[in-house]
């Protein structure tokens, strides 16, 4: 299973993750896994819930896994898709927001309070 320890994403890593989410089917699969929780789902059940089955599901999971958004593990003869690599999804959110408002002009309220 591919693990991502670094919580700070590079522009390249974030770009790959967002590219993986650029498909409605992959985004839907990720949403199904988020709803399933940390225990994940067997491939068959994931296919039923998401409406994406067979080689198409395998293809989309390969892309989501390569981007670090989904983790897969084997249990006996079944492949279980861990719900989501929550740390990676959180890191993606932090990537978007880490420089929030740094270039914003000071507001009048901030000037009046001595913040700018």
C-alpha atoms as a PDB file:
ATOM      1  CA  UNK A   1       0.000   0.000   0.000  1.00  0.00           C
ATOM      2  CA  UNK A   2       1.366   3.405  -0.955  1.00  0.00           C
ATOM      3  CA  UNK A   3       1.524   5.737   2.062  1.00  0.00           C
ATOM      4  CA  UNK A   4       2.057   9.485   2.027  1.00  0.00           C
ATOM      5  CA  UNK A   5       3.694  10.781   5.174  1.00  0.00           C
ATOM      6  CA  UNK A   6       4.470  14.331   4.066  1.00  0.00           C
ATOM      7  CA  UNK A   7       1.471  16.551   4.760  1.00  0.00           C
ATOM      8  CA  UNK A   8       2.750  19.365   2.510  1.00  0.00           C
ATOM      9  CA  UNK A   9       2.037  18.700  -1.148  1.00  0.00           C
ATOM     10  CA  UNK A  10       4.143  20.035  -3.968  1.00  0.00           C
ATOM     11  CA  UNK A  11       2.504  21.694  -6.944  1.00  0.00           C
ATOM     12  CA  UNK A  12       3.179  18.521  -8.958  1.00  0.00           C
ATOM     13  CA  UNK A  13       1.575  16.250  -6.344  1.00  0.00           C
ATOM     14  CA  UNK A  14      -1.458  18.498  -5.976  1.00  0.00           C
ATOM     15  CA  UNK A  15      -1.794  18.709  -9.751  1.00  0.00           C
ATOM     16  CA  UNK A  16      -1.791  14.914 -10.034  1.00  0.00           C
ATOM     17  CA  UNK A  17      -4.423  14.596  -7.307  1.00  0.00           C
ATOM     18  CA  UNK A  18      -6.672  17.208  -8.889  1.00  0.00           C
ATOM     19  CA  UNK A  19      -6.226  15.579 -12.300  1.00  0.00           C
ATOM     20  CA  UNK A  20      -7.346  12.264 -10.777  1.00  0.00           C
ATOM     21  CA  UNK A  21     -10.464  13.995  -9.456  1.00  0.00           C
ATOM     22  CA  UNK A  22     -11.181  15.535 -12.865  1.00  0.00           C
ATOM     23  CA  UNK A  23     -13.435  12.639 -13.824  1.00  0.00           C
ATOM     24  CA  UNK A  24     -17.044  12.545 -12.627  1.00  0.00           C
ATOM     25  CA  UNK A  25     -16.807   8.767 -12.217  1.00  0.00           C
ATOM     26  CA  UNK A  26     -13.624   8.963 -10.122  1.00  0.00           C
ATOM     27  CA  UNK A  27     -15.088  11.725  -8.001  1.00  0.00           C
ATOM     28  CA  UNK A  28     -18.203   9.593  -7.497  1.00  0.00           C
ATOM     29  CA  UNK A  29     -16.099   6.578  -6.504  1.00  0.00           C
ATOM     30  CA  UNK A  30     -14.216   8.704  -3.972  1.00  0.00           C
ATOM     31  CA  UNK A  31     -17.503   9.979  -2.527  1.00  0.00           C
ATOM     32  CA  UNK A  32     -18.783   6.405  -2.127  1.00  0.00           C
ATOM     33  CA  UNK A  33     -15.578   5.485  -0.297  1.00  0.00           C
ATOM     34  CA  UNK A  34     -15.801   8.542   1.959  1.00  0.00           C
ATOM     35  CA  UNK A  35     -19.356   7.546   2.910  1.00  0.00           C
ATOM     36  CA  UNK A  36     -18.218   3.950   3.581  1.00  0.00           C
ATOM     37  CA  UNK A  37     -15.778   5.062   6.269  1.00  0.00           C
ATOM     38  CA  UNK A  38     -12.326   3.814   7.201  1.00  0.00           C
ATOM     39  CA  UNK A  39     -13.114   0.091   6.814  1.00  0.00           C
ATOM     40  CA  UNK A  40     -13.453   0.499   3.060  1.00  0.00           C
ATOM     41  CA  UNK A  41     -15.399  -1.688   0.672  1.00  0.00           C
ATOM     42  CA  UNK A  42     -14.784  -4.846  -1.325  1.00  0.00           C
ATOM     43  CA  UNK A  43     -14.491  -4.191  -5.060  1.00  0.00           C
ATOM     44  CA  UNK A  44     -17.869  -5.764  -5.823  1.00  0.00           C
ATOM     45  CA  UNK A  45     -19.721  -3.633  -3.320  1.00  0.00           C
ATOM     46  CA  UNK A  46     -17.865  -0.505  -4.420  1.00  0.00           C
ATOM     47  CA  UNK A  47     -18.947  -1.254  -7.983  1.00  0.00           C
ATOM     48  CA  UNK A  48     -22.578  -1.701  -6.929  1.00  0.00           C
ATOM     49  CA  UNK A  49     -22.678   1.494  -4.872  1.00  0.00           C
ATOM     50  CA  UNK A  50     -20.849   3.635  -7.414  1.00  0.00           C
ATOM     51  CA  UNK A  51     -22.450   2.200 -10.538  1.00  0.00           C
ATOM     52  CA  UNK A  52     -18.978   1.667 -12.020  1.00  0.00           C
ATOM     53  CA  UNK A  53     -17.964  -1.952 -12.487  1.00  0.00           C
ATOM     54  CA  UNK A  54     -15.367  -4.272 -13.938  1.00  0.00           C
ATOM     55  CA  UNK A  55     -12.356  -3.001 -15.815  1.00  0.00           C
ATOM     56  CA  UNK A  56     -13.668   0.581 -15.739  1.00  0.00           C
ATOM     57  CA  UNK A  57     -13.707   0.533 -11.919  1.00  0.00           C
ATOM     58  CA  UNK A  58     -10.231  -1.016 -11.862  1.00  0.00           C
ATOM     59  CA  UNK A  59      -8.961   1.697 -14.219  1.00  0.00           C
ATOM     60  CA  UNK A  60     -10.373   4.524 -12.102  1.00  0.00           C
ATOM     61  CA  UNK A  61      -9.078   2.996  -8.857  1.00  0.00           C
ATOM     62  CA  UNK A  62      -5.610   2.692 -10.364  1.00  0.00           C
ATOM     63  CA  UNK A  63      -5.611   6.435 -11.083  1.00  0.00           C
ATOM     64  CA  UNK A  64      -6.994   7.352  -7.640  1.00  0.00           C
ATOM     65  CA  UNK A  65      -4.460   5.071  -5.961  1.00  0.00           C
ATOM     66  CA  UNK A  66      -1.545   6.486  -7.987  1.00  0.00           C
ATOM     67  CA  UNK A  67      -2.594   9.981  -6.896  1.00  0.00           C
ATOM     68  CA  UNK A  68      -2.564   8.804  -3.278  1.00  0.00           C
ATOM     69  CA  UNK A  69      -6.267   9.391  -2.720  1.00  0.00           C
ATOM     70  CA  UNK A  70      -7.302   5.742  -2.282  1.00  0.00           C
ATOM     71  CA  UNK A  71      -5.463   2.863  -0.672  1.00  0.00           C
ATOM     72  CA  UNK A  72      -6.044  -0.760  -1.622  1.00  0.00           C
ATOM     73  CA  UNK A  73      -5.344  -3.828   0.480  1.00  0.00           C
ATOM     74  CA  UNK A  74      -5.909  -7.522  -0.021  1.00  0.00           C
ATOM     75  CA  UNK A  75      -7.866  -9.617   2.469  1.00  0.00           C
ATOM     76  CA  UNK A  76      -7.639 -13.219   1.470  1.00  0.00           C
ATOM     77  CA  UNK A  77      -8.832 -13.394  -2.106  1.00  0.00           C
ATOM     78  CA  UNK A  78     -10.647 -10.054  -2.008  1.00  0.00           C
ATOM     79  CA  UNK A  79      -9.289  -6.600  -2.685  1.00  0.00           C
ATOM     80  CA  UNK A  80     -10.588  -4.119  -0.143  1.00  0.00           C
ATOM     81  CA  UNK A  81     -10.464  -0.460  -1.077  1.00  0.00           C
ATOM     82  CA  UNK A  82      -9.762   1.516   2.026  1.00  0.00           C
ATOM     83  CA  UNK A  83     -12.273   4.293   2.137  1.00  0.00           C
ATOM     84  CA  UNK A  84      -9.935   7.133   1.368  1.00  0.00           C
ATOM     85  CA  UNK A  85      -6.416   8.182   2.187  1.00  0.00           C
ATOM     86  CA  UNK A  86      -7.864  10.849   4.454  1.00  0.00           C
ATOM     87  CA  UNK A  87      -4.496  12.432   5.235  1.00  0.00           C
ATOM     88  CA  UNK A  88      -3.850  12.955   1.541  1.00  0.00           C
ATOM     89  CA  UNK A  89      -7.280  14.485   0.961  1.00  0.00           C
ATOM     90  CA  UNK A  90      -6.750  16.797   3.942  1.00  0.00           C
ATOM     91  CA  UNK A  91      -3.307  17.750   2.590  1.00  0.00           C
ATOM     92  CA  UNK A  92      -4.969  18.610  -0.723  1.00  0.00           C
ATOM     93  CA  UNK A  93      -7.370  20.946   1.088  1.00  0.00           C
ATOM     94  CA  UNK A  94      -4.487  22.533   2.985  1.00  0.00           C
ATOM     95  CA  UNK A  95      -2.638  22.990  -0.305  1.00  0.00           C
ATOM     96  CA  UNK A  96      -5.530  25.056  -1.629  1.00  0.00           C
ATOM     97  CA  UNK A  97      -5.850  27.165   1.487  1.00  0.00           C
ATOM     98  CA  UNK A  98      -2.282  27.493   2.797  1.00  0.00           C
ATOM     99  CA  UNK A  99      -1.718  30.944   1.296  1.00  0.00           C
ATOM    100  CA  UNK A 100      -5.256  32.127   1.760  1.00  0.00           C
ATOM    101  CA  UNK A 101      -5.666  35.882   1.714  1.00  0.00           C
ATOM    102  CA  UNK A 102      -1.914  36.662   1.806  1.00  0.00           C
ATOM    103  CA  UNK A 103      -2.213  39.104  -1.081  1.00  0.00           C
ATOM    104  CA  UNK A 104      -5.581  40.542  -0.111  1.00  0.00           C
ATOM    105  CA  UNK A 105      -5.758  44.278   0.448  1.00  0.00           C
ATOM    106  CA  UNK A 106      -6.289  45.230   4.081  1.00  0.00           C
ATOM    107  CA  UNK A 107      -9.912  45.952   4.850  1.00  0.00           C
ATOM    108  CA  UNK A 108     -11.097  49.098   6.549  1.00  0.00           C
ATOM    109  CA  UNK A 109     -12.060  47.064   9.613  1.00  0.00           C
ATOM    110  CA  UNK A 110      -8.499  45.732   9.911  1.00  0.00           C
ATOM    111  CA  UNK A 111      -7.040  49.218   9.491  1.00  0.00           C
ATOM    112  CA  UNK A 112      -9.291  50.567  12.263  1.00  0.00           C
ATOM    113  CA  UNK A 113      -8.135  47.786  14.586  1.00  0.00           C
ATOM    114  CA  UNK A 114      -4.457  48.331  13.779  1.00  0.00           C
ATOM    115  CA  UNK A 115      -4.115  45.170  11.626  1.00  0.00           C
ATOM    116  CA  UNK A 116      -2.681  46.606   8.477  1.00  0.00           C
END
